[in-house]
Amino acid sequence: MAKEEKKILLVIEDEEMLLRALYLAFLHSGYTIATASDGETGLRMTERLKPNLVLLDLLLPKMSGFEYLKTIKSNPGLKSTPVIVLSNLGDKDDMEKATDLGAADYFIKANTDLSVLAKKVDEILKA
């Protein structure tokens, strides 16, 4: 029986403390964790790594999370990649825009326990 490849989780977040916390939170989850601190780097990494799931902030340097979502969801090779938005933008319009652009789910940073987020990631990746 062939060894199952680890699933790749890409975290695109510009706040270094949160990026580190997310990395550590998923480090022992059995996933390969990749990180990017701006939207352009995140897009290049998505194209190169073809992650199984992306955790995405919306307010990013170089390319916003909204632009990132538009770009990957219009790319036939990437559009099926699940994206969970993790943002401080809690406005209903922002949440609807992200969902309309293809986000699988939306969490507000200030209101989200990492264990709840981890459970959602597991749920999507194990489906």
C-alpha atoms as a PDB file:
ATOM      1  CA  MET A   1       0.000   0.000   0.000  1.00  0.00           C
ATOM      2  CA  ALA A   2       1.424   3.386  -0.999  1.00  0.00           C
ATOM      3  CA  LYS A   3       2.060   5.917   1.722  1.00  0.00           C
ATOM      4  CA  GLU A   4      -0.542   8.684   1.629  1.00  0.00           C
ATOM      5  CA  GLU A   5       0.928  12.095   0.820  1.00  0.00           C
ATOM      6  CA  LYS A   6       0.499  14.801   3.427  1.00  0.00           C
ATOM      7  CA  LYS A   7      -2.100  17.376   2.533  1.00  0.00           C
ATOM      8  CA  ILE A   8      -0.793  20.917   2.036  1.00  0.00           C
ATOM      9  CA  LEU A   9      -2.283  23.803   4.010  1.00  0.00           C
ATOM     10  CA  LEU A  10      -1.268  27.275   2.806  1.00  0.00           C
ATOM     11  CA  VAL A  11      -1.684  30.142   5.278  1.00  0.00           C
ATOM     12  CA  ILE A  12      -1.671  33.643   3.739  1.00  0.00           C
ATOM     13  CA  GLU A  13      -1.484  36.158   6.588  1.00  0.00           C
ATOM     14  CA  ASP A  14       0.527  39.372   7.017  1.00  0.00           C
ATOM     15  CA  GLU A  15       0.365  39.614  10.823  1.00  0.00           C
ATOM     16  CA  GLU A  16       3.500  37.750  11.889  1.00  0.00           C
ATOM     17  CA  MET A  17       2.209  36.798  15.362  1.00  0.00           C
ATOM     18  CA  LEU A  18      -0.984  35.282  13.941  1.00  0.00           C
ATOM     19  CA  LEU A  19       0.902  33.607  11.113  1.00  0.00           C
ATOM     20  CA  ARG A  20       3.181  31.955  13.669  1.00  0.00           C
ATOM     21  CA  ALA A  21       0.207  30.965  15.868  1.00  0.00           C
ATOM     22  CA  LEU A  22      -1.582  29.382  12.907  1.00  0.00           C
ATOM     23  CA  TYR A  23       1.583  27.582  11.831  1.00  0.00           C
ATOM     24  CA  LEU A  24       2.040  26.165  15.327  1.00  0.00           C
ATOM     25  CA  ALA A  25      -1.652  25.299  15.643  1.00  0.00           C
ATOM     26  CA  PHE A  26      -1.501  23.116  12.532  1.00  0.00           C
ATOM     27  CA  LEU A  27       2.084  21.880  12.873  1.00  0.00           C
ATOM     28  CA  HIS A  28       1.094  18.616  14.548  1.00  0.00           C
ATOM     29  CA  SER A  29      -2.057  18.108  12.512  1.00  0.00           C
ATOM     30  CA  GLY A  30      -0.369  15.895   9.961  1.00  0.00           C
ATOM     31  CA  TYR A  31      -0.495  18.543   7.227  1.00  0.00           C
ATOM     32  CA  THR A  32       2.399  20.151   5.409  1.00  0.00           C
ATOM     33  CA  ILE A  33       2.172  23.860   6.313  1.00  0.00           C
ATOM     34  CA  ALA A  34       3.268  26.583   3.900  1.00  0.00           C
ATOM     35  CA  THR A  35       3.038  30.295   4.674  1.00  0.00           C
ATOM     36  CA  ALA A  36       2.987  33.589   2.787  1.00  0.00           C
ATOM     37  CA  SER A  37       2.804  37.122   4.172  1.00  0.00           C
ATOM     38  CA  ASP A  38       1.346  38.891   1.127  1.00  0.00           C
ATOM     39  CA  GLY A  39      -1.193  38.139  -1.575  1.00  0.00           C
ATOM     40  CA  GLU A  40       1.221  37.991  -4.523  1.00  0.00           C
ATOM     41  CA  THR A  41       3.514  35.498  -2.789  1.00  0.00           C
ATOM     42  CA  GLY A  42       0.450  33.523  -1.717  1.00  0.00           C
ATOM     43  CA  LEU A  43      -0.764  33.360  -5.312  1.00  0.00           C
ATOM     44  CA  ARG A  44       2.638  32.182  -6.593  1.00  0.00           C
ATOM     45  CA  MET A  45       2.771  29.542  -3.853  1.00  0.00           C
ATOM     46  CA  THR A  46      -0.762  28.413  -4.700  1.00  0.00           C
ATOM     47  CA  GLU A  47       0.198  28.005  -8.353  1.00  0.00           C
ATOM     48  CA  ARG A  48       3.378  26.103  -7.452  1.00  0.00           C
ATOM     49  CA  LEU A  49       2.235  23.961  -4.511  1.00  0.00           C
ATOM     50  CA  LYS A  50      -1.422  23.337  -5.423  1.00  0.00           C
ATOM     51  CA  PRO A  51      -2.427  23.304  -1.730  1.00  0.00           C
ATOM     52  CA  ASN A  52      -5.362  21.224  -0.529  1.00  0.00           C
ATOM     53  CA  LEU A  53      -6.706  24.216   1.414  1.00  0.00           C
ATOM     54  CA  VAL A  54      -5.871  27.912   1.873  1.00  0.00           C
ATOM     55  CA  LEU A  55      -6.399  30.010   5.019  1.00  0.00           C
ATOM     56  CA  LEU A  56      -6.645  33.581   3.719  1.00  0.00           C
ATOM     57  CA  ASP A  57      -6.564  37.009   5.309  1.00  0.00           C
ATOM     58  CA  LEU A  58      -8.329  39.699   3.254  1.00  0.00           C
ATOM     59  CA  LEU A  59      -6.247  42.759   4.140  1.00  0.00           C
ATOM     60  CA  LEU A  60      -2.885  41.874   2.638  1.00  0.00           C
ATOM     61  CA  PRO A  61      -0.029  43.812   1.073  1.00  0.00           C
ATOM     62  CA  LYS A  62       0.625  43.612  -2.698  1.00  0.00           C
ATOM     63  CA  MET A  63      -2.673  41.828  -3.481  1.00  0.00           C
ATOM     64  CA  SER A  64      -5.812  41.806  -1.348  1.00  0.00           C
ATOM     65  CA  GLY A  65      -7.492  38.590  -0.314  1.00  0.00           C
ATOM     66  CA  PHE A  66     -10.446  39.558  -2.521  1.00  0.00           C
ATOM     67  CA  GLU A  67      -8.127  39.845  -5.558  1.00  0.00           C
ATOM     68  CA  TYR A  68      -6.479  36.551  -4.621  1.00  0.00           C
ATOM     69  CA  LEU A  69      -9.886  34.836  -4.490  1.00  0.00           C
ATOM     70  CA  LYS A  70     -10.946  36.330  -7.845  1.00  0.00           C
ATOM     71  CA  THR A  71      -7.696  35.168  -9.427  1.00  0.00           C
ATOM     72  CA  ILE A  72      -7.643  31.571  -8.214  1.00  0.00           C
ATOM     73  CA  LYS A  73     -11.367  31.013  -8.711  1.00  0.00           C
ATOM     74  CA  SER A  74     -11.017  32.101 -12.361  1.00  0.00           C
ATOM     75  CA  ASN A  75      -8.111  29.667 -12.905  1.00  0.00           C
ATOM     76  CA  PRO A  76      -9.405  26.238 -14.030  1.00  0.00           C
ATOM     77  CA  GLY A  77      -6.486  24.462 -12.346  1.00  0.00           C
ATOM     78  CA  LEU A  78      -7.006  26.192  -8.978  1.00  0.00           C
ATOM     79  CA  LYS A  79     -10.705  27.024  -8.767  1.00  0.00           C
ATOM     80  CA  SER A  80     -11.579  23.893  -6.791  1.00  0.00           C
ATOM     81  CA  THR A  81      -9.077  24.783  -4.037  1.00  0.00           C
ATOM     82  CA  PRO A  82     -11.057  25.385  -0.826  1.00  0.00           C
ATOM     83  CA  VAL A  83     -10.341  28.769   0.765  1.00  0.00           C
ATOM     84  CA  ILE A  84     -11.269  29.676   4.328  1.00  0.00           C
ATOM     85  CA  VAL A  85     -11.184  33.407   4.987  1.00  0.00           C
ATOM     86  CA  LEU A  86      -9.798  34.478   8.362  1.00  0.00           C
ATOM     87  CA  SER A  87     -10.158  38.246   8.606  1.00  0.00           C
ATOM     88  CA  ASN A  88     -10.915  41.119  10.937  1.00  0.00           C
ATOM     89  CA  LEU A  89     -13.369  42.431   8.349  1.00  0.00           C
ATOM     90  CA  GLY A  90     -16.637  41.544  10.022  1.00  0.00           C
ATOM     91  CA  ASP A  91     -18.973  43.604   7.850  1.00  0.00           C
ATOM     92  CA  LYS A  92     -21.794  41.594   6.271  1.00  0.00           C
ATOM     93  CA  ASP A  93     -20.930  43.001   2.816  1.00  0.00           C
ATOM     94  CA  ASP A  94     -17.305  41.838   3.098  1.00  0.00           C
ATOM     95  CA  MET A  95     -18.427  38.396   4.227  1.00  0.00           C
ATOM     96  CA  GLU A  96     -20.902  38.130   1.325  1.00  0.00           C
ATOM     97  CA  LYS A  97     -18.306  39.363  -1.175  1.00  0.00           C
ATOM     98  CA  ALA A  98     -15.793  36.728  -0.030  1.00  0.00           C
ATOM     99  CA  THR A  99     -18.428  33.999  -0.182  1.00  0.00           C
ATOM    100  CA  ASP A 100     -19.607  35.177  -3.611  1.00  0.00           C
ATOM    101  CA  LEU A 101     -15.987  35.010  -4.809  1.00  0.00           C
ATOM    102  CA  GLY A 102     -15.814  31.373  -3.730  1.00  0.00           C
ATOM    103  CA  ALA A 103     -14.676  31.254  -0.103  1.00  0.00           C
ATOM    104  CA  ALA A 104     -15.715  27.970   1.535  1.00  0.00           C
ATOM    105  CA  ASP A 105     -16.142  29.625   4.926  1.00  0.00           C
ATOM    106  CA  TYR A 106     -15.480  32.893   6.744  1.00  0.00           C
ATOM    107  CA  PHE A 107     -14.121  33.404  10.247  1.00  0.00           C
ATOM    108  CA  ILE A 108     -13.569  36.700  12.057  1.00  0.00           C
ATOM    109  CA  LYS A 109     -10.143  36.632  13.704  1.00  0.00           C
ATOM    110  CA  ALA A 110     -11.180  38.322  16.939  1.00  0.00           C
ATOM    111  CA  ASN A 111     -14.093  35.911  17.445  1.00  0.00           C
ATOM    112  CA  THR A 112     -12.452  32.654  16.397  1.00  0.00           C
ATOM    113  CA  ASP A 113     -10.954  30.025  18.631  1.00  0.00           C
ATOM    114  CA  LEU A 114      -8.148  28.207  16.804  1.00  0.00           C
ATOM    115  CA  SER A 115      -9.606  24.836  17.817  1.00  0.00           C
ATOM    116  CA  VAL A 116     -12.868  25.703  15.981  1.00  0.00           C
ATOM    117  CA  LEU A 117     -10.876  26.756  12.920  1.00  0.00           C
ATOM    118  CA  ALA A 118      -8.781  23.565  13.088  1.00  0.00           C
ATOM    119  CA  LYS A 119     -11.959  21.479  13.244  1.00  0.00           C
ATOM    120  CA  LYS A 120     -13.298  23.222  10.117  1.00  0.00           C
ATOM    121  CA  VAL A 121     -10.001  22.667   8.260  1.00  0.00           C
ATOM    122  CA  ASP A 122     -10.063  18.970   9.209  1.00  0.00           C
ATOM    123  CA  GLU A 123     -13.690  18.699   8.127  1.00  0.00           C
ATOM    124  CA  ILE A 124     -12.917  20.117   4.672  1.00  0.00           C
ATOM    125  CA  LEU A 125      -9.651  18.221   4.152  1.00  0.00           C
ATOM    126  CA  LYS A 126     -11.006  14.881   5.284  1.00  0.00           C
ATOM    127  CA  ALA A 127     -14.144  15.117   3.138  1.00  0.00           C
END
